[in-house]
C-alpha atoms as a PDB file:
ATOM      1  CA  MET A   1      91.835  84.652 104.373  1.00  0.00           C
ATOM      2  CA  LEU A   2      89.368  87.476 103.953  1.00  0.00           C
ATOM      3  CA  LYS A   3      88.569  86.568 100.340  1.00  0.00           C
ATOM      4  CA  GLN A   4      87.577  83.048 101.410  1.00  0.00           C
ATOM      5  CA  LYS A   5      85.299  84.466 104.128  1.00  0.00           C
ATOM      6  CA  ILE A   6      83.599  86.742 101.587  1.00  0.00           C
ATOM      7  CA  ILE A   7      82.961  83.808  99.235  1.00  0.00           C
ATOM      8  CA  GLU A   8      81.639  81.616 102.056  1.00  0.00           C
ATOM      9  CA  ASP A   9      79.334  84.406 103.246  1.00  0.00           C
ATOM     10  CA  LEU A  10      78.155  84.902  99.652  1.00  0.00           C
ATOM     11  CA  LYS A  11      77.213  81.226  99.442  1.00  0.00           C
ATOM     12  CA  SER A  12      75.402  81.440 102.792  1.00  0.00           C
ATOM     13  CA  ALA A  13      73.496  84.531 101.662  1.00  0.00           C
ATOM     14  CA  MET A  14      72.459  82.765  98.461  1.00  0.00           C
ATOM     15  CA  LYS A  15      71.183  79.755 100.394  1.00  0.00           C
ATOM     16  CA  ALA A  16      69.365  81.960 102.918  1.00  0.00           C
ATOM     17  CA  GLY A  17      67.759  84.094 100.213  1.00  0.00           C
ATOM     18  CA  ASP A  18      69.313  87.303 101.583  1.00  0.00           C
ATOM     19  CA  THR A  19      69.320  89.300  98.354  1.00  0.00           C
ATOM     20  CA  ALA A  20      70.841  92.488  99.794  1.00  0.00           C
ATOM     21  CA  LYS A  21      73.837  90.667 101.249  1.00  0.00           C
ATOM     22  CA  ARG A  22      74.151  88.447  98.175  1.00  0.00           C
ATOM     23  CA  ASP A  23      74.211  91.395  95.780  1.00  0.00           C
ATOM     24  CA  THR A  24      76.628  93.387  97.948  1.00  0.00           C
ATOM     25  CA  LEU A  25      79.053  90.478  98.268  1.00  0.00           C
ATOM     26  CA  ARG A  26      78.859  89.738  94.534  1.00  0.00           C
ATOM     27  CA  MET A  27      79.757  93.364  93.855  1.00  0.00           C
ATOM     28  CA  LEU A  28      82.627  93.152  96.358  1.00  0.00           C
ATOM     29  CA  ASP A  29      83.906  89.894  94.844  1.00  0.00           C
ATOM     30  CA  SER A  30      83.828  91.523  91.428  1.00  0.00           C
ATOM     31  CA  MET A  31      85.757  94.560  92.715  1.00  0.00           C
ATOM     32  CA  VAL A  32      88.383  92.272  94.280  1.00  0.00           C
ATOM     33  CA  LYS A  33      88.760  90.302  91.033  1.00  0.00           C
ATOM     34  CA  ASN A  34      89.093  93.522  89.014  1.00  0.00           C
ATOM     35  CA  CYS A  35      91.785  94.735  91.417  1.00  0.00           C
ATOM     36  CA  GLU A  36      93.620  91.395  91.110  1.00  0.00           C
ATOM     37  CA  ILE A  37      93.623  91.769  87.340  1.00  0.00           C
ATOM     38  CA  GLU A  38      94.755  95.407  87.602  1.00  0.00           C
ATOM     39  CA  LYS A  39      97.655  94.488  89.875  1.00  0.00           C
ATOM     40  CA  LYS A  40      98.460  91.365  87.831  1.00  0.00           C
ATOM     41  CA  LYS A  41      97.879  89.156  90.878  1.00  0.00           C
ATOM     42  CA  ARG A  42      95.118  86.972  89.459  1.00  0.00           C
ATOM     43  CA  GLU A  43      96.925  83.733  90.289  1.00  0.00           C
ATOM     44  CA  ALA A  44      98.364  84.739  93.677  1.00  0.00           C
ATOM     45  CA  GLY A  45      95.365  86.785  94.805  1.00  0.00           C
ATOM     46  CA  LEU A  46      95.306  89.917  96.924  1.00  0.00           C
ATOM     47  CA  SER A  47      96.491  90.076 100.522  1.00  0.00           C
ATOM     48  CA  ASP A  48      93.949  90.796 103.263  1.00  0.00           C
ATOM     49  CA  GLU A  49      95.273  94.378 103.490  1.00  0.00           C
ATOM     50  CA  GLU A  50      94.727  94.916  99.770  1.00  0.00           C
ATOM     51  CA  ILE A  51      91.205  93.478 100.032  1.00  0.00           C
ATOM     52  CA  GLN A  52      90.509  95.834 102.934  1.00  0.00           C
ATOM     53  CA  GLU A  53      91.607  98.735 100.706  1.00  0.00           C
ATOM     54  CA  VAL A  54      89.066  97.584  98.102  1.00  0.00           C
ATOM     55  CA  ILE A  55      86.374  97.373 100.799  1.00  0.00           C
ATOM     56  CA  ALA A  56      87.266 100.845 102.113  1.00  0.00           C
ATOM     57  CA  ARG A  57      86.983 102.223  98.568  1.00  0.00           C
ATOM     58  CA  ALA A  58      83.576 100.542  98.165  1.00  0.00           C
ATOM     59  CA  ILE A  59      82.369 101.998 101.484  1.00  0.00           C
ATOM     60  CA  LYS A  60      83.513 105.471 100.456  1.00  0.00           C
ATOM     61  CA  GLN A  61      81.699 105.140  97.117  1.00  0.00           C
ATOM     62  CA  ARG A  62      78.515 104.050  98.909  1.00  0.00           C
ATOM     63  CA  ARG A  63      78.716 106.968 101.364  1.00  0.00           C
ATOM     64  CA  ASP A  64      79.143 109.441  98.509  1.00  0.00           C
ATOM     65  CA  SER A  65      76.201 107.900  96.641  1.00  0.00           C
ATOM     66  CA  ALA A  66      73.996 107.897  99.745  1.00  0.00           C
ATOM     67  CA  SER A  67      74.645 111.591 100.386  1.00  0.00           C
ATOM     68  CA  GLN A  68      73.903 112.423  96.736  1.00  0.00           C
ATOM     69  CA  TYR A  69      70.677 110.390  96.809  1.00  0.00           C
ATOM     70  CA  THR A  70      69.611 112.123 100.028  1.00  0.00           C
ATOM     71  CA  ALA A  71      70.349 115.533  98.518  1.00  0.00           C
ATOM     72  CA  GLY A  72      68.435 114.530  95.378  1.00  0.00           C
ATOM     73  CA  GLY A  73      65.334 113.522  97.321  1.00  0.00           C
ATOM     74  CA  ARG A  74      65.718 109.743  96.838  1.00  0.00           C
ATOM     75  CA  PRO A  75      65.746 108.357 100.404  1.00  0.00           C
ATOM     76  CA  GLU A  76      64.934 104.794  99.279  1.00  0.00           C
ATOM     77  CA  LEU A  77      68.133 104.643  97.214  1.00  0.00           C
ATOM     78  CA  ALA A  78      70.139 106.241 100.037  1.00  0.00           C
ATOM     79  CA  GLN A  79      68.781 103.574 102.395  1.00  0.00           C
ATOM     80  CA  LYS A  80      69.942 100.825 100.006  1.00  0.00           C
ATOM     81  CA  GLU A  81      73.446 102.328  99.903  1.00  0.00           C
ATOM     82  CA  ASN A  82      73.516 102.560 103.716  1.00  0.00           C
ATOM     83  CA  GLN A  83      72.454  98.920 103.963  1.00  0.00           C
ATOM     84  CA  GLU A  84      75.372  97.950 101.701  1.00  0.00           C
ATOM     85  CA  ILE A  85      77.734 100.018 103.879  1.00  0.00           C
ATOM     86  CA  GLU A  86      76.627  98.077 106.968  1.00  0.00           C
ATOM     87  CA  ILE A  87      77.338  94.774 105.205  1.00  0.00           C
ATOM     88  CA  LEU A  88      80.765  95.929 104.005  1.00  0.00           C
ATOM     89  CA  ILE A  89      81.806  97.301 107.404  1.00  0.00           C
ATOM     90  CA  GLY A  90      81.564  93.760 108.749  1.00  0.00           C
ATOM     91  CA  TYR A  91      84.663  92.852 106.701  1.00  0.00           C
ATOM     92  CA  MET A  92      86.786  95.761 107.936  1.00  0.00           C
ATOM     93  CA  PRO A  93      88.916  95.742 111.073  1.00  0.00           C
ATOM     94  CA  ALA A  94      87.461  97.638 114.023  1.00  0.00           C
ATOM     95  CA  GLN A  95      87.785 101.362 113.497  1.00  0.00           C
ATOM     96  CA  MET A  96      89.448 103.565 116.101  1.00  0.00           C
ATOM     97  CA  SER A  97      87.274 105.951 118.054  1.00  0.00           C
ATOM     98  CA  GLU A  98      87.631 109.665 117.367  1.00  0.00           C
ATOM     99  CA  GLU A  99      89.312 110.177 120.771  1.00  0.00           C
ATOM    100  CA  SER A 100      91.994 107.523 120.199  1.00  0.00           C
ATOM    101  CA  ALA A 101      92.513 108.762 116.631  1.00  0.00           C
ATOM    102  CA  ARG A 102      92.965 112.303 117.961  1.00  0.00           C
ATOM    103  CA  ALA A 103      95.555 111.031 120.480  1.00  0.00           C
ATOM    104  CA  GLU A 104      97.507 109.258 117.713  1.00  0.00           C
ATOM    105  CA  ILE A 105      97.352 112.332 115.473  1.00  0.00           C
ATOM    106  CA  LEU A 106      98.611 114.561 118.303  1.00  0.00           C
ATOM    107  CA  LYS A 107     101.600 112.221 118.690  1.00  0.00           C
ATOM    108  CA  ILE A 108     102.240 112.429 114.940  1.00  0.00           C
ATOM    109  CA  ILE A 109     102.009 116.233 115.011  1.00  0.00           C
ATOM    110  CA  ALA A 110     104.593 116.276 117.827  1.00  0.00           C
ATOM    111  CA  GLU A 111     106.885 113.860 115.927  1.00  0.00           C
ATOM    112  CA  VAL A 112     106.699 115.899 112.736  1.00  0.00           C
ATOM    113  CA  GLY A 113     107.012 119.173 114.638  1.00  0.00           C
ATOM    114  CA  ALA A 114     104.124 120.804 112.782  1.00  0.00           C
ATOM    115  CA  VAL A 115     102.760 124.037 114.208  1.00  0.00           C
ATOM    116  CA  SER A 116     100.940 125.809 111.384  1.00  0.00           C
ATOM    117  CA  LYS A 117      98.201 125.089 108.889  1.00  0.00           C
ATOM    118  CA  SER A 118     100.774 125.120 106.070  1.00  0.00           C
ATOM    119  CA  GLU A 119     102.177 121.817 107.388  1.00  0.00           C
ATOM    120  CA  ILE A 120      98.900 119.870 107.089  1.00  0.00           C
ATOM    121  CA  GLY A 121     100.233 117.885 104.130  1.00  0.00           C
ATOM    122  CA  LYS A 122     103.243 116.653 106.079  1.00  0.00           C
ATOM    123  CA  VAL A 123     101.067 115.527 108.987  1.00  0.00           C
ATOM    124  CA  MET A 124      98.408 113.976 106.727  1.00  0.00           C
ATOM    125  CA  GLY A 125     100.974 111.904 104.845  1.00  0.00           C
ATOM    126  CA  ARG A 126     102.429 110.472 108.038  1.00  0.00           C
ATOM    127  CA  ALA A 127      99.013 110.033 109.701  1.00  0.00           C
ATOM    128  CA  MET A 128      97.513 108.148 106.765  1.00  0.00           C
ATOM    129  CA  THR A 129     100.522 105.822 106.721  1.00  0.00           C
ATOM    130  CA  VAL A 130     100.218 105.073 110.437  1.00  0.00           C
ATOM    131  CA  LEU A 131      96.404 104.970 110.659  1.00  0.00           C
ATOM    132  CA  LYS A 132      95.645 103.310 107.309  1.00  0.00           C
ATOM    133  CA  GLY A 133      92.616 101.044 107.638  1.00  0.00           C
ATOM    134  CA  LYS A 134      92.043 102.039 111.252  1.00  0.00           C
ATOM    135  CA  VAL A 135      90.522 105.486 110.723  1.00  0.00           C
ATOM    136  CA  GLU A 136      88.628 106.977 107.797  1.00  0.00           C
ATOM    137  CA  GLY A 137      90.608 109.581 105.848  1.00  0.00           C
ATOM    138  CA  ASN A 138      87.956 112.288 106.227  1.00  0.00           C
ATOM    139  CA  LEU A 139      88.100 111.977 110.024  1.00  0.00           C
ATOM    140  CA  VAL A 140      91.900 112.202 109.973  1.00  0.00           C
ATOM    141  CA  LYS A 141      91.720 115.338 107.821  1.00  0.00           C
ATOM    142  CA  LYS A 142      89.132 116.925 110.124  1.00  0.00           C
ATOM    143  CA  ILE A 143      91.204 116.259 113.257  1.00  0.00           C
ATOM    144  CA  VAL A 144      94.457 117.466 111.677  1.00  0.00           C
ATOM    145  CA  GLU A 145      92.792 120.700 110.527  1.00  0.00           C
ATOM    146  CA  GLU A 146      91.310 121.270 113.989  1.00  0.00           C
ATOM    147  CA  GLU A 147      94.655 120.722 115.695  1.00  0.00           C
ATOM    148  CA  LEU A 148      96.705 122.870 113.285  1.00  0.00           C
ATOM    149  CA  LYS A 149      94.773 126.132 113.379  1.00  0.00           C
END
Protein backbone atom coordinates (compact mmCIF):
# COMPACT_ATOMS: atom_id res chain seq x y z
CA MET A 1 0.00 0.00 0.00
CA LEU A 2 1.10 3.52 -0.79
CA LYS A 3 0.36 4.80 2.72
CA GLN A 4 2.67 2.16 4.21
CA LYS A 5 5.45 3.15 1.78
CA ILE A 6 5.08 6.81 2.78
CA ILE A 7 5.35 5.94 6.48
CA GLU A 8 8.37 3.69 5.91
CA ASP A 9 10.09 6.40 3.86
CA LEU A 10 9.28 8.92 6.60
CA LYS A 11 11.00 6.70 9.16
CA SER A 12 14.01 6.28 6.86
CA ALA A 13 14.24 10.04 6.33
CA MET A 14 14.13 10.61 10.09
CA LYS A 15 16.93 8.11 10.67
CA ALA A 16 19.02 9.56 7.82
CA GLY A 17 18.53 13.14 9.01
CA ASP A 18 16.96 14.21 5.70
CA THR A 19 14.91 17.12 7.00
CA ALA A 20 13.41 18.16 3.65
CA LYS A 21 12.06 14.69 2.93
CA ARG A 22 11.00 14.20 6.55
CA ASP A 23 9.02 17.45 6.64
CA THR A 24 7.43 16.83 3.23
CA LEU A 25 6.34 13.30 4.16
CA ARG A 26 4.99 14.47 7.53
CA MET A 27 2.92 17.07 5.70
CA LEU A 28 1.71 14.42 3.24
CA ASP A 29 0.84 11.99 6.05
CA SER A 30 -1.12 14.76 7.74
CA MET A 31 -3.00 15.55 4.50
CA VAL A 32 -3.86 11.85 4.06
CA LYS A 33 -5.13 11.60 7.65
CA ASN A 34 -7.23 14.75 7.22
CA CYS A 35 -8.73 13.31 4.03
CA GLU A 36 -9.49 10.02 5.84
CA ILE A 37 -11.33 11.95 8.52
CA GLU A 38 -13.18 14.03 5.91
CA LYS A 39 -14.32 10.93 4.04
CA LYS A 40 -15.07 9.07 7.29
CA LYS A 41 -12.57 6.35 6.38
CA ARG A 42 -10.29 6.67 9.40
CA GLU A 43 -10.53 2.98 10.27
CA ALA A 44 -10.46 1.56 6.73
CA GLY A 45 -7.98 4.07 5.32
CA LEU A 46 -7.82 5.54 1.84
CA SER A 47 -7.20 3.51 -1.30
CA ASP A 48 -4.00 4.10 -3.27
CA GLU A 49 -6.00 6.06 -5.87
CA GLU A 50 -7.41 8.36 -3.19
CA ILE A 51 -3.92 8.87 -1.74
CA GLN A 52 -2.65 9.72 -5.22
CA GLU A 53 -5.41 12.36 -5.47
CA VAL A 54 -4.14 13.86 -2.20
CA ILE A 55 -0.57 13.84 -3.55
CA ALA A 56 -1.68 15.45 -6.82
CA ARG A 57 -3.46 18.18 -4.84
CA ALA A 58 -0.31 18.75 -2.76
CA ILE A 59 1.84 18.99 -5.91
CA LYS A 60 -0.57 21.50 -7.44
CA GLN A 61 -0.48 23.60 -4.25
CA ARG A 62 3.33 23.54 -4.27
CA ARG A 63 3.48 24.58 -7.94
CA ASP A 64 1.12 27.49 -7.30
CA SER A 65 3.17 28.57 -4.27
CA ALA A 66 6.46 28.29 -6.17
CA SER A 67 5.18 30.48 -9.00
CA GLN A 68 3.89 33.07 -6.51
CA TYR A 69 7.21 33.08 -4.63
CA THR A 70 9.11 33.50 -7.90
CA ALA A 71 6.85 36.37 -8.92
CA GLY A 72 7.29 37.92 -5.47
CA GLY A 73 11.08 37.82 -5.67
CA ARG A 74 11.58 34.99 -3.14
CA PRO A 75 13.59 32.37 -5.08
CA GLU A 76 14.74 30.57 -1.91
CA LEU A 77 11.13 29.80 -0.95
CA ALA A 78 10.30 28.79 -4.53
CA GLN A 79 13.27 26.41 -4.46
CA LYS A 80 11.95 24.81 -1.25
CA GLU A 81 8.54 24.28 -2.86
CA ASN A 82 10.17 22.75 -5.96
CA GLN A 83 12.19 20.41 -3.75
CA GLU A 84 8.96 19.25 -2.09
CA ILE A 85 7.40 18.70 -5.53
CA GLU A 86 10.29 16.43 -6.52
CA ILE A 87 9.80 14.36 -3.36
CA LEU A 88 6.03 14.08 -3.89
CA ILE A 89 6.34 13.12 -7.57
CA GLY A 90 8.15 9.98 -6.45
CA TYR A 91 4.84 8.68 -5.03
CA MET A 92 2.82 9.30 -8.20
CA PRO A 93 2.47 6.87 -11.09
CA ALA A 94 4.53 7.73 -14.16
CA GLN A 95 2.99 10.61 -16.04
CA MET A 96 2.17 10.33 -19.74
CA SER A 97 4.24 12.34 -22.17
CA GLU A 98 2.60 15.27 -23.92
CA GLU A 99 2.61 13.35 -27.24
CA SER A 100 0.82 10.29 -25.83
CA ALA A 101 -1.61 12.53 -23.93
CA ARG A 102 -2.36 14.40 -27.16
CA ALA A 103 -3.03 11.08 -28.94
CA GLU A 104 -5.46 9.99 -26.19
CA ILE A 105 -7.21 13.37 -26.25
CA LEU A 106 -7.59 13.21 -30.04
CA LYS A 107 -9.28 9.81 -29.63
CA ILE A 108 -11.60 11.29 -27.00
CA ILE A 109 -12.43 14.25 -29.26
CA ALA A 110 -13.32 11.79 -32.05
CA GLU A 111 -15.46 9.68 -29.67
CA VAL A 112 -17.34 12.70 -28.37
CA GLY A 113 -17.64 14.19 -31.86
CA ALA A 114 -16.51 17.65 -30.74
CA VAL A 115 -15.60 20.13 -33.45
CA SER A 116 -15.86 23.59 -31.90
CA LYS A 117 -14.50 25.48 -28.93
CA SER A 118 -17.98 25.48 -27.35
CA GLU A 119 -17.64 21.72 -26.73
CA ILE A 120 -14.47 21.98 -24.60
CA GLY A 121 -16.41 21.12 -21.44
CA LYS A 122 -17.71 17.87 -22.90
CA VAL A 123 -14.22 16.81 -23.98
CA MET A 124 -12.59 17.92 -20.71
CA GLY A 125 -15.04 15.93 -18.61
CA ARG A 126 -14.40 12.74 -20.56
CA ALA A 127 -10.63 13.35 -20.80
CA MET A 128 -10.20 13.94 -17.08
CA THR A 129 -12.11 10.73 -16.35
CA VAL A 130 -9.94 8.69 -18.70
CA LEU A 131 -6.59 10.38 -17.95
CA LYS A 132 -7.03 10.96 -14.20
CA GLY A 133 -3.70 10.58 -12.43
CA LYS A 134 -1.83 10.03 -15.68
CA VAL A 135 -1.74 13.61 -16.97
CA GLU A 136 -1.91 16.94 -15.16
CA GLY A 137 -5.20 18.79 -15.65
CA ASN A 138 -3.54 21.96 -16.95
CA LEU A 139 -1.83 20.00 -19.73
CA VAL A 140 -5.11 18.34 -20.69
CA LYS A 141 -6.83 21.74 -20.84
CA LYS A 142 -4.02 23.19 -22.98
CA ILE A 143 -4.14 20.31 -25.47
CA VAL A 144 -7.95 20.32 -25.71
CA GLU A 145 -7.97 24.08 -26.36
CA GLU A 146 -5.28 23.72 -29.03
CA GLU A 147 -7.16 20.93 -30.79
CA LEU A 148 -10.60 22.61 -30.67
CA LYS A 149 -9.83 25.97 -32.23
